[in-house]
Amino acid sequence: MIMTILLAIMMMIGLFLLLWAGVGFIQNKKFFTTCPKEVFDVIKSKERRFFGQYVLGWALAIIAVLLMASSIFIGALK
């Protein structure tokens, strides 16, 4: 029971990190192609907030994917 709750929390943290990396740091319009046209038009153009923003975003995305994959792997082993 505790293991299931911990793995579910790991998945939620991974999903949150992935969304945060994509929307907050990477900011590539390719990620928003499924949104309505009105929302797509409102999205501001890309501006760099600080040096290393994209590196931090991709690092967070990789960590998030590894976190979610590891929770699936640990759940399959138990």
PDB file of N, CA and C in Angstrom:
ATOM      1  N   MET A   1       0.823  -1.191   0.000  1.00  0.00           N
ATOM      2  CA  MET A   1       0.000   0.000   0.000  1.00  0.00           C
ATOM      3  C   MET A   1       0.868   1.256   0.000  1.00  0.00           C
ATOM      4  N   ILE A   2       1.858   1.281   0.890  1.00  0.00           N
ATOM      5  CA  ILE A   2       2.744   2.447   0.978  1.00  0.00           C
ATOM      6  C   ILE A   2       3.539   2.595  -0.318  1.00  0.00           C
ATOM      7  N   MET A   3       3.994   1.456  -0.877  1.00  0.00           N
ATOM      8  CA  MET A   3       4.769   1.499  -2.115  1.00  0.00           C
ATOM      9  C   MET A   3       3.932   2.066  -3.258  1.00  0.00           C
ATOM     10  N   THR A   4       2.673   1.708  -3.328  1.00  0.00           N
ATOM     11  CA  THR A   4       1.791   2.230  -4.372  1.00  0.00           C
ATOM     12  C   THR A   4       1.630   3.732  -4.239  1.00  0.00           C
ATOM     13  N   ILE A   5       1.469   4.218  -3.031  1.00  0.00           N
ATOM     14  CA  ILE A   5       1.320   5.656  -2.810  1.00  0.00           C
ATOM     15  C   ILE A   5       2.606   6.386  -3.183  1.00  0.00           C
ATOM     16  N   LEU A   6       3.759   5.841  -2.803  1.00  0.00           N
ATOM     17  CA  LEU A   6       5.032   6.466  -3.147  1.00  0.00           C
ATOM     18  C   LEU A   6       5.267   6.492  -4.660  1.00  0.00           C
ATOM     19  N   LEU A   7       4.924   5.409  -5.345  1.00  0.00           N
ATOM     20  CA  LEU A   7       5.089   5.377  -6.795  1.00  0.00           C
ATOM     21  C   LEU A   7       4.136   6.342  -7.487  1.00  0.00           C
ATOM     22  N   ALA A   8       2.924   6.476  -6.956  1.00  0.00           N
ATOM     23  CA  ALA A   8       1.980   7.439  -7.524  1.00  0.00           C
ATOM     24  C   ALA A   8       2.481   8.869  -7.323  1.00  0.00           C
ATOM     25  N   ILE A   9       3.062   9.138  -6.178  1.00  0.00           N
ATOM     26  CA  ILE A   9       3.635  10.468  -5.922  1.00  0.00           C
ATOM     27  C   ILE A   9       4.816  10.730  -6.852  1.00  0.00           C
ATOM     28  N   MET A  10       5.634   9.696  -7.094  1.00  0.00           N
ATOM     29  CA  MET A  10       6.748   9.844  -8.040  1.00  0.00           C
ATOM     30  C   MET A  10       6.243  10.175  -9.434  1.00  0.00           C
ATOM     31  N   MET A  11       5.164   9.531  -9.855  1.00  0.00           N
ATOM     32  CA  MET A  11       4.593   9.822 -11.174  1.00  0.00           C
ATOM     33  C   MET A  11       4.051  11.247 -11.240  1.00  0.00           C
ATOM     34  N   MET A  12       3.386  11.692 -10.177  1.00  0.00           N
ATOM     35  CA  MET A  12       2.843  13.059 -10.172  1.00  0.00           C
ATOM     36  C   MET A  12       3.958  14.096 -10.186  1.00  0.00           C
ATOM     37  N   ILE A  13       5.018  13.853  -9.434  1.00  0.00           N
ATOM     38  CA  ILE A  13       6.156  14.781  -9.426  1.00  0.00           C
ATOM     39  C   ILE A  13       6.808  14.815 -10.807  1.00  0.00           C
ATOM     40  N   GLY A  14       6.945  13.663 -11.442  1.00  0.00           N
ATOM     41  CA  GLY A  14       7.511  13.611 -12.783  1.00  0.00           C
ATOM     42  C   GLY A  14       6.663  14.366 -13.793  1.00  0.00           C
ATOM     43  N   LEU A  15       5.352  14.216 -13.719  1.00  0.00           N
ATOM     44  CA  LEU A  15       4.468  14.932 -14.636  1.00  0.00           C
ATOM     45  C   LEU A  15       4.539  16.432 -14.399  1.00  0.00           C
ATOM     46  N   PHE A  16       4.560  16.846 -13.136  1.00  0.00           N
ATOM     47  CA  PHE A  16       4.671  18.264 -12.825  1.00  0.00           C
ATOM     48  C   PHE A  16       5.987  18.833 -13.346  1.00  0.00           C
ATOM     49  N   LEU A  17       7.095  18.115 -13.145  1.00  0.00           N
ATOM     50  CA  LEU A  17       8.390  18.586 -13.635  1.00  0.00           C
ATOM     51  C   LEU A  17       8.419  18.672 -15.159  1.00  0.00           C
ATOM     52  N   LEU A  18       7.789  17.716 -15.817  1.00  0.00           N
ATOM     53  CA  LEU A  18       7.763  17.726 -17.273  1.00  0.00           C
ATOM     54  C   LEU A  18       6.973  18.920 -17.798  1.00  0.00           C
ATOM     55  N   LEU A  19       5.821  19.198 -17.200  1.00  0.00           N
ATOM     56  CA  LEU A  19       5.039  20.363 -17.606  1.00  0.00           C
ATOM     57  C   LEU A  19       5.775  21.659 -17.306  1.00  0.00           C
ATOM     58  N   TRP A  20       6.405  21.732 -16.147  1.00  0.00           N
ATOM     59  CA  TRP A  20       7.145  22.927 -15.758  1.00  0.00           C
ATOM     60  C   TRP A  20       8.313  23.175 -16.710  1.00  0.00           C
ATOM     61  N   ALA A  21       9.002  22.102 -17.092  1.00  0.00           N
ATOM     62  CA  ALA A  21      10.129  22.250 -18.007  1.00  0.00           C
ATOM     63  C   ALA A  21       9.661  22.700 -19.391  1.00  0.00           C
ATOM     64  N   GLY A  22       8.593  22.095 -19.883  1.00  0.00           N
ATOM     65  CA  GLY A  22       8.120  22.423 -21.229  1.00  0.00           C
ATOM     66  C   GLY A  22       7.523  23.804 -21.349  1.00  0.00           C
ATOM     67  N   VAL A  23       6.703  24.171 -20.385  1.00  0.00           N
ATOM     68  CA  VAL A  23       6.011  25.458 -20.456  1.00  0.00           C
ATOM     69  C   VAL A  23       6.875  26.587 -19.902  1.00  0.00           C
ATOM     70  N   GLY A  24       7.590  26.326 -18.824  1.00  0.00           N
ATOM     71  CA  GLY A  24       8.315  27.394 -18.165  1.00  0.00           C
ATOM     72  C   GLY A  24       9.692  27.678 -18.715  1.00  0.00           C
ATOM     73  N   PHE A  25      10.399  26.650 -19.170  1.00  0.00           N
ATOM     74  CA  PHE A  25      11.784  26.851 -19.546  1.00  0.00           C
ATOM     75  C   PHE A  25      12.065  26.618 -21.023  1.00  0.00           C
ATOM     76  N   ILE A  26      11.540  25.538 -21.601  1.00  0.00           N
ATOM     77  CA  ILE A  26      11.854  25.234 -22.993  1.00  0.00           C
ATOM     78  C   ILE A  26      11.091  26.169 -23.931  1.00  0.00           C
ATOM     79  N   GLN A  27       9.817  26.368 -23.698  1.00  0.00           N
ATOM     80  CA  GLN A  27       8.959  27.315 -24.413  1.00  0.00           C
ATOM     81  C   GLN A  27       9.029  27.162 -25.929  1.00  0.00           C
ATOM     82  N   ASN A  28       8.856  25.953 -26.415  1.00  0.00           N
ATOM     83  CA  ASN A  28       8.840  25.699 -27.845  1.00  0.00           C
ATOM     84  C   ASN A  28       7.389  25.620 -28.300  1.00  0.00           C
ATOM     85  N   LYS A  29       7.037  26.357 -29.348  1.00  0.00           N
ATOM     86  CA  LYS A  29       5.640  26.384 -29.807  1.00  0.00           C
ATOM     87  C   LYS A  29       5.181  25.040 -30.374  1.00  0.00           C
ATOM     88  N   LYS A  30       6.124  24.133 -30.679  1.00  0.00           N
ATOM     89  CA  LYS A  30       5.743  22.802 -31.154  1.00  0.00           C
ATOM     90  C   LYS A  30       4.967  22.041 -30.087  1.00  0.00           C
ATOM     91  N   PHE A  31       5.209  22.351 -28.818  1.00  0.00           N
ATOM     92  CA  PHE A  31       4.526  21.656 -27.733  1.00  0.00           C
ATOM     93  C   PHE A  31       3.077  22.092 -27.596  1.00  0.00           C
ATOM     94  N   PHE A  32       2.690  23.206 -28.209  1.00  0.00           N
ATOM     95  CA  PHE A  32       1.348  23.758 -28.047  1.00  0.00           C
ATOM     96  C   PHE A  32       0.505  23.644 -29.312  1.00  0.00           C
ATOM     97  N   THR A  33       0.819  22.731 -30.203  1.00  0.00           N
ATOM     98  CA  THR A  33       0.104  22.648 -31.472  1.00  0.00           C
ATOM     99  C   THR A  33      -1.330  22.146 -31.326  1.00  0.00           C
ATOM    100  N   THR A  34      -1.662  21.480 -30.234  1.00  0.00           N
ATOM    101  CA  THR A  34      -3.014  20.959 -30.073  1.00  0.00           C
ATOM    102  C   THR A  34      -3.958  21.955 -29.401  1.00  0.00           C
ATOM    103  N   CYS A  35      -3.444  23.081 -28.943  1.00  0.00           N
ATOM    104  CA  CYS A  35      -4.319  24.047 -28.277  1.00  0.00           C
ATOM    105  C   CYS A  35      -5.129  24.817 -29.327  1.00  0.00           C
ATOM    106  N   PRO A  36      -6.246  25.427 -28.923  1.00  0.00           N
ATOM    107  CA  PRO A  36      -7.062  26.193 -29.871  1.00  0.00           C
ATOM    108  C   PRO A  36      -6.270  27.358 -30.483  1.00  0.00           C
ATOM    109  N   LYS A  37      -6.687  27.786 -31.669  1.00  0.00           N
ATOM    110  CA  LYS A  37      -5.972  28.837 -32.389  1.00  0.00           C
ATOM    111  C   LYS A  37      -5.950  30.143 -31.610  1.00  0.00           C
ATOM    112  N   GLU A  38      -7.011  30.446 -30.876  1.00  0.00           N
ATOM    113  CA  GLU A  38      -7.051  31.683 -30.107  1.00  0.00           C
ATOM    114  C   GLU A  38      -5.969  31.697 -29.031  1.00  0.00           C
ATOM    115  N   VAL A  39      -5.794  30.561 -28.370  1.00  0.00           N
ATOM    116  CA  VAL A  39      -4.771  30.463 -27.333  1.00  0.00           C
ATOM    117  C   VAL A  39      -3.389  30.504 -27.972  1.00  0.00           C
ATOM    118  N   PHE A  40      -3.233  29.862 -29.110  1.00  0.00           N
ATOM    119  CA  PHE A  40      -1.946  29.836 -29.798  1.00  0.00           C
ATOM    120  C   PHE A  40      -1.523  31.235 -30.234  1.00  0.00           C
ATOM    121  N   ASP A  41      -2.499  32.075 -30.618  1.00  0.00           N
ATOM    122  CA  ASP A  41      -2.191  33.443 -31.024  1.00  0.00           C
ATOM    123  C   ASP A  41      -1.793  34.318 -29.842  1.00  0.00           C
ATOM    124  N   VAL A  42      -2.276  33.995 -28.649  1.00  0.00           N
ATOM    125  CA  VAL A  42      -1.990  34.798 -27.464  1.00  0.00           C
ATOM    126  C   VAL A  42      -0.589  34.516 -26.911  1.00  0.00           C
ATOM    127  N   ILE A  43      -0.058  33.324 -27.204  1.00  0.00           N
ATOM    128  CA  ILE A  43       1.252  32.951 -26.680  1.00  0.00           C
ATOM    129  C   ILE A  43       2.295  33.937 -27.189  1.00  0.00           C
ATOM    130  N   LYS A  44       3.038  34.513 -26.261  1.00  0.00           N
ATOM    131  CA  LYS A  44       4.053  35.500 -26.620  1.00  0.00           C
ATOM    132  C   LYS A  44       5.225  34.824 -27.318  1.00  0.00           C
ATOM    133  N   SER A  45       5.971  35.636 -28.030  1.00  0.00           N
ATOM    134  CA  SER A  45       7.146  35.093 -28.696  1.00  0.00           C
ATOM    135  C   SER A  45       8.194  34.706 -27.660  1.00  0.00           C
ATOM    136  N   LYS A  46       9.106  33.893 -28.100  1.00  0.00           N
ATOM    137  CA  LYS A  46      10.114  33.347 -27.199  1.00  0.00           C
ATOM    138  C   LYS A  46      11.076  34.451 -26.752  1.00  0.00           C
ATOM    139  N   GLU A  47      11.257  34.575 -25.463  1.00  0.00           N
ATOM    140  CA  GLU A  47      12.252  35.488 -24.931  1.00  0.00           C
ATOM    141  C   GLU A  47      13.036  34.752 -23.854  1.00  0.00           C
ATOM    142  N   ARG A  48      14.338  34.932 -23.876  1.00  0.00           N
ATOM    143  CA  ARG A  48      15.164  34.223 -22.901  1.00  0.00           C
ATOM    144  C   ARG A  48      15.159  34.994 -21.589  1.00  0.00           C
ATOM    145  N   ARG A  49      14.793  34.310 -20.510  1.00  0.00           N
ATOM    146  CA  ARG A  49      14.734  34.940 -19.194  1.00  0.00           C
ATOM    147  C   ARG A  49      16.097  35.025 -18.546  1.00  0.00           C
ATOM    148  N   PHE A  50      16.896  33.991 -18.677  1.00  0.00           N
ATOM    149  CA  PHE A  50      18.227  33.968 -18.084  1.00  0.00           C
ATOM    150  C   PHE A  50      19.098  33.020 -18.880  1.00  0.00           C
ATOM    151  N   PHE A  51      20.399  33.167 -18.706  1.00  0.00           N
ATOM    152  CA  PHE A  51      21.353  32.324 -19.417  1.00  0.00           C
ATOM    153  C   PHE A  51      21.232  30.888 -18.917  1.00  0.00           C
ATOM    154  N   GLY A  52      21.113  29.954 -19.815  1.00  0.00           N
ATOM    155  CA  GLY A  52      20.997  28.547 -19.451  1.00  0.00           C
ATOM    156  C   GLY A  52      19.565  28.084 -19.236  1.00  0.00           C
ATOM    157  N   GLN A  53      18.594  28.869 -19.669  1.00  0.00           N
ATOM    158  CA  GLN A  53      17.189  28.519 -19.483  1.00  0.00           C
ATOM    159  C   GLN A  53      16.842  27.217 -20.196  1.00  0.00           C
ATOM    160  N   TYR A  54      17.312  27.064 -21.426  1.00  0.00           N
ATOM    161  CA  TYR A  54      16.969  25.879 -22.203  1.00  0.00           C
ATOM    162  C   TYR A  54      17.685  24.642 -21.664  1.00  0.00           C
ATOM    163  N   VAL A  55      18.903  24.824 -21.203  1.00  0.00           N
ATOM    164  CA  VAL A  55      19.647  23.696 -20.628  1.00  0.00           C
ATOM    165  C   VAL A  55      18.943  23.209 -19.363  1.00  0.00           C
ATOM    166  N   LEU A  56      18.528  24.140 -18.519  1.00  0.00           N
ATOM    167  CA  LEU A  56      17.795  23.771 -17.313  1.00  0.00           C
ATOM    168  C   LEU A  56      16.473  23.093 -17.657  1.00  0.00           C
ATOM    169  N   GLY A  57      15.771  23.597 -18.666  1.00  0.00           N
ATOM    170  CA  GLY A  57      14.505  22.998 -19.073  1.00  0.00           C
ATOM    171  C   GLY A  57      14.662  21.578 -19.575  1.00  0.00           C
ATOM    172  N   TRP A  58      15.649  21.358 -20.440  1.00  0.00           N
ATOM    173  CA  TRP A  58      15.854  20.008 -20.961  1.00  0.00           C
ATOM    174  C   TRP A  58      16.366  19.064 -19.881  1.00  0.00           C
ATOM    175  N   ALA A  59      17.172  19.574 -18.953  1.00  0.00           N
ATOM    176  CA  ALA A  59      17.639  18.738 -17.841  1.00  0.00           C
ATOM    177  C   ALA A  59      16.468  18.321 -16.962  1.00  0.00           C
ATOM    178  N   LEU A  60      15.563  19.256 -16.671  1.00  0.00           N
ATOM    179  CA  LEU A  60      14.369  18.917 -15.884  1.00  0.00           C
ATOM    180  C   LEU A  60      13.484  17.917 -16.621  1.00  0.00           C
ATOM    181  N   ALA A  61      13.356  18.085 -17.931  1.00  0.00           N
ATOM    182  CA  ALA A  61      12.534  17.155 -18.711  1.00  0.00           C
ATOM    183  C   ALA A  61      13.120  15.746 -18.683  1.00  0.00           C
ATOM    184  N   ILE A  62      14.436  15.638 -18.804  1.00  0.00           N
ATOM    185  CA  ILE A  62      15.076  14.322 -18.765  1.00  0.00           C
ATOM    186  C   ILE A  62      14.924  13.693 -17.389  1.00  0.00           C
ATOM    187  N   ILE A  63      15.101  14.488 -16.339  1.00  0.00           N
ATOM    188  CA  ILE A  63      14.917  13.984 -14.978  1.00  0.00           C
ATOM    189  C   ILE A  63      13.481  13.514 -14.774  1.00  0.00           C
ATOM    190  N   ALA A  64      12.520  14.260 -15.301  1.00  0.00           N
ATOM    191  CA  ALA A  64      11.115  13.897 -15.140  1.00  0.00           C
ATOM    192  C   ALA A  64      10.795  12.586 -15.842  1.00  0.00           C
ATOM    193  N   VAL A  65      11.303  12.418 -17.048  1.00  0.00           N
ATOM    194  CA  VAL A  65      11.047  11.176 -17.784  1.00  0.00           C
ATOM    195  C   VAL A  65      11.705   9.995 -17.075  1.00  0.00           C
ATOM    196  N   LEU A  66      12.925  10.197 -16.586  1.00  0.00           N
ATOM    197  CA  LEU A  66      13.594   9.124 -15.848  1.00  0.00           C
ATOM    198  C   LEU A  66      12.862   8.788 -14.552  1.00  0.00           C
ATOM    199  N   LEU A  67      12.330   9.800 -13.884  1.00  0.00           N
ATOM    200  CA  LEU A  67      11.578   9.574 -12.646  1.00  0.00           C
ATOM    201  C   LEU A  67      10.308   8.763 -12.916  1.00  0.00           C
ATOM    202  N   MET A  68       9.586   9.125 -13.976  1.00  0.00           N
ATOM    203  CA  MET A  68       8.370   8.383 -14.295  1.00  0.00           C
ATOM    204  C   MET A  68       8.682   6.970 -14.770  1.00  0.00           C
ATOM    205  N   ALA A  69       9.742   6.811 -15.567  1.00  0.00           N
ATOM    206  CA  ALA A  69      10.111   5.469 -16.023  1.00  0.00           C
ATOM    207  C   ALA A  69      10.593   4.595 -14.880  1.00  0.00           C
ATOM    208  N   SER A  70      11.319   5.193 -13.943  1.00  0.00           N
ATOM    209  CA  SER A  70      11.794   4.400 -12.813  1.00  0.00           C
ATOM    210  C   SER A  70      10.656   3.973 -11.900  1.00  0.00           C
ATOM    211  N   SER A  71       9.636   4.813 -11.769  1.00  0.00           N
ATOM    212  CA  SER A  71       8.498   4.400 -10.936  1.00  0.00           C
ATOM    213  C   SER A  71       7.743   3.236 -11.582  1.00  0.00           C
ATOM    214  N   ILE A  72       7.640   3.235 -12.902  1.00  0.00           N
ATOM    215  CA  ILE A  72       7.011   2.104 -13.590  1.00  0.00           C
ATOM    216  C   ILE A  72       7.878   0.847 -13.429  1.00  0.00           C
ATOM    217  N   PHE A  73       9.183   0.994 -13.549  1.00  0.00           N
ATOM    218  CA  PHE A  73      10.100  -0.131 -13.422  1.00  0.00           C
ATOM    219  C   PHE A  73      10.067  -0.704 -12.000  1.00  0.00           C
ATOM    220  N   ILE A  74      10.079   0.165 -10.988  1.00  0.00           N
ATOM    221  CA  ILE A  74      10.019  -0.297  -9.604  1.00  0.00           C
ATOM    222  C   ILE A  74       8.685  -0.975  -9.325  1.00  0.00           C
ATOM    223  N   GLY A  75       7.603  -0.423  -9.865  1.00  0.00           N
ATOM    224  CA  GLY A  75       6.291  -1.031  -9.677  1.00  0.00           C
ATOM    225  C   GLY A  75       6.187  -2.406 -10.329  1.00  0.00           C
ATOM    226  N   ALA A  76       6.878  -2.592 -11.457  1.00  0.00           N
ATOM    227  CA  ALA A  76       6.847  -3.893 -12.124  1.00  0.00           C
ATOM    228  C   ALA A  76       7.659  -4.925 -11.355  1.00  0.00           C
ATOM    229  N   LEU A  77       8.696  -4.488 -10.672  1.00  0.00           N
ATOM    230  CA  LEU A  77       9.517  -5.430  -9.903  1.00  0.00           C
ATOM    231  C   LEU A  77       8.845  -5.886  -8.620  1.00  0.00           C
ATOM    232  N   LYS A  78       8.030  -5.058  -8.027  1.00  0.00           N
ATOM    233  CA  LYS A  78       7.417  -5.400  -6.734  1.00  0.00           C
ATOM    234  C   LYS A  78       6.179  -6.213  -6.907  1.00  0.00           C
TER     235      LYS A  78
END
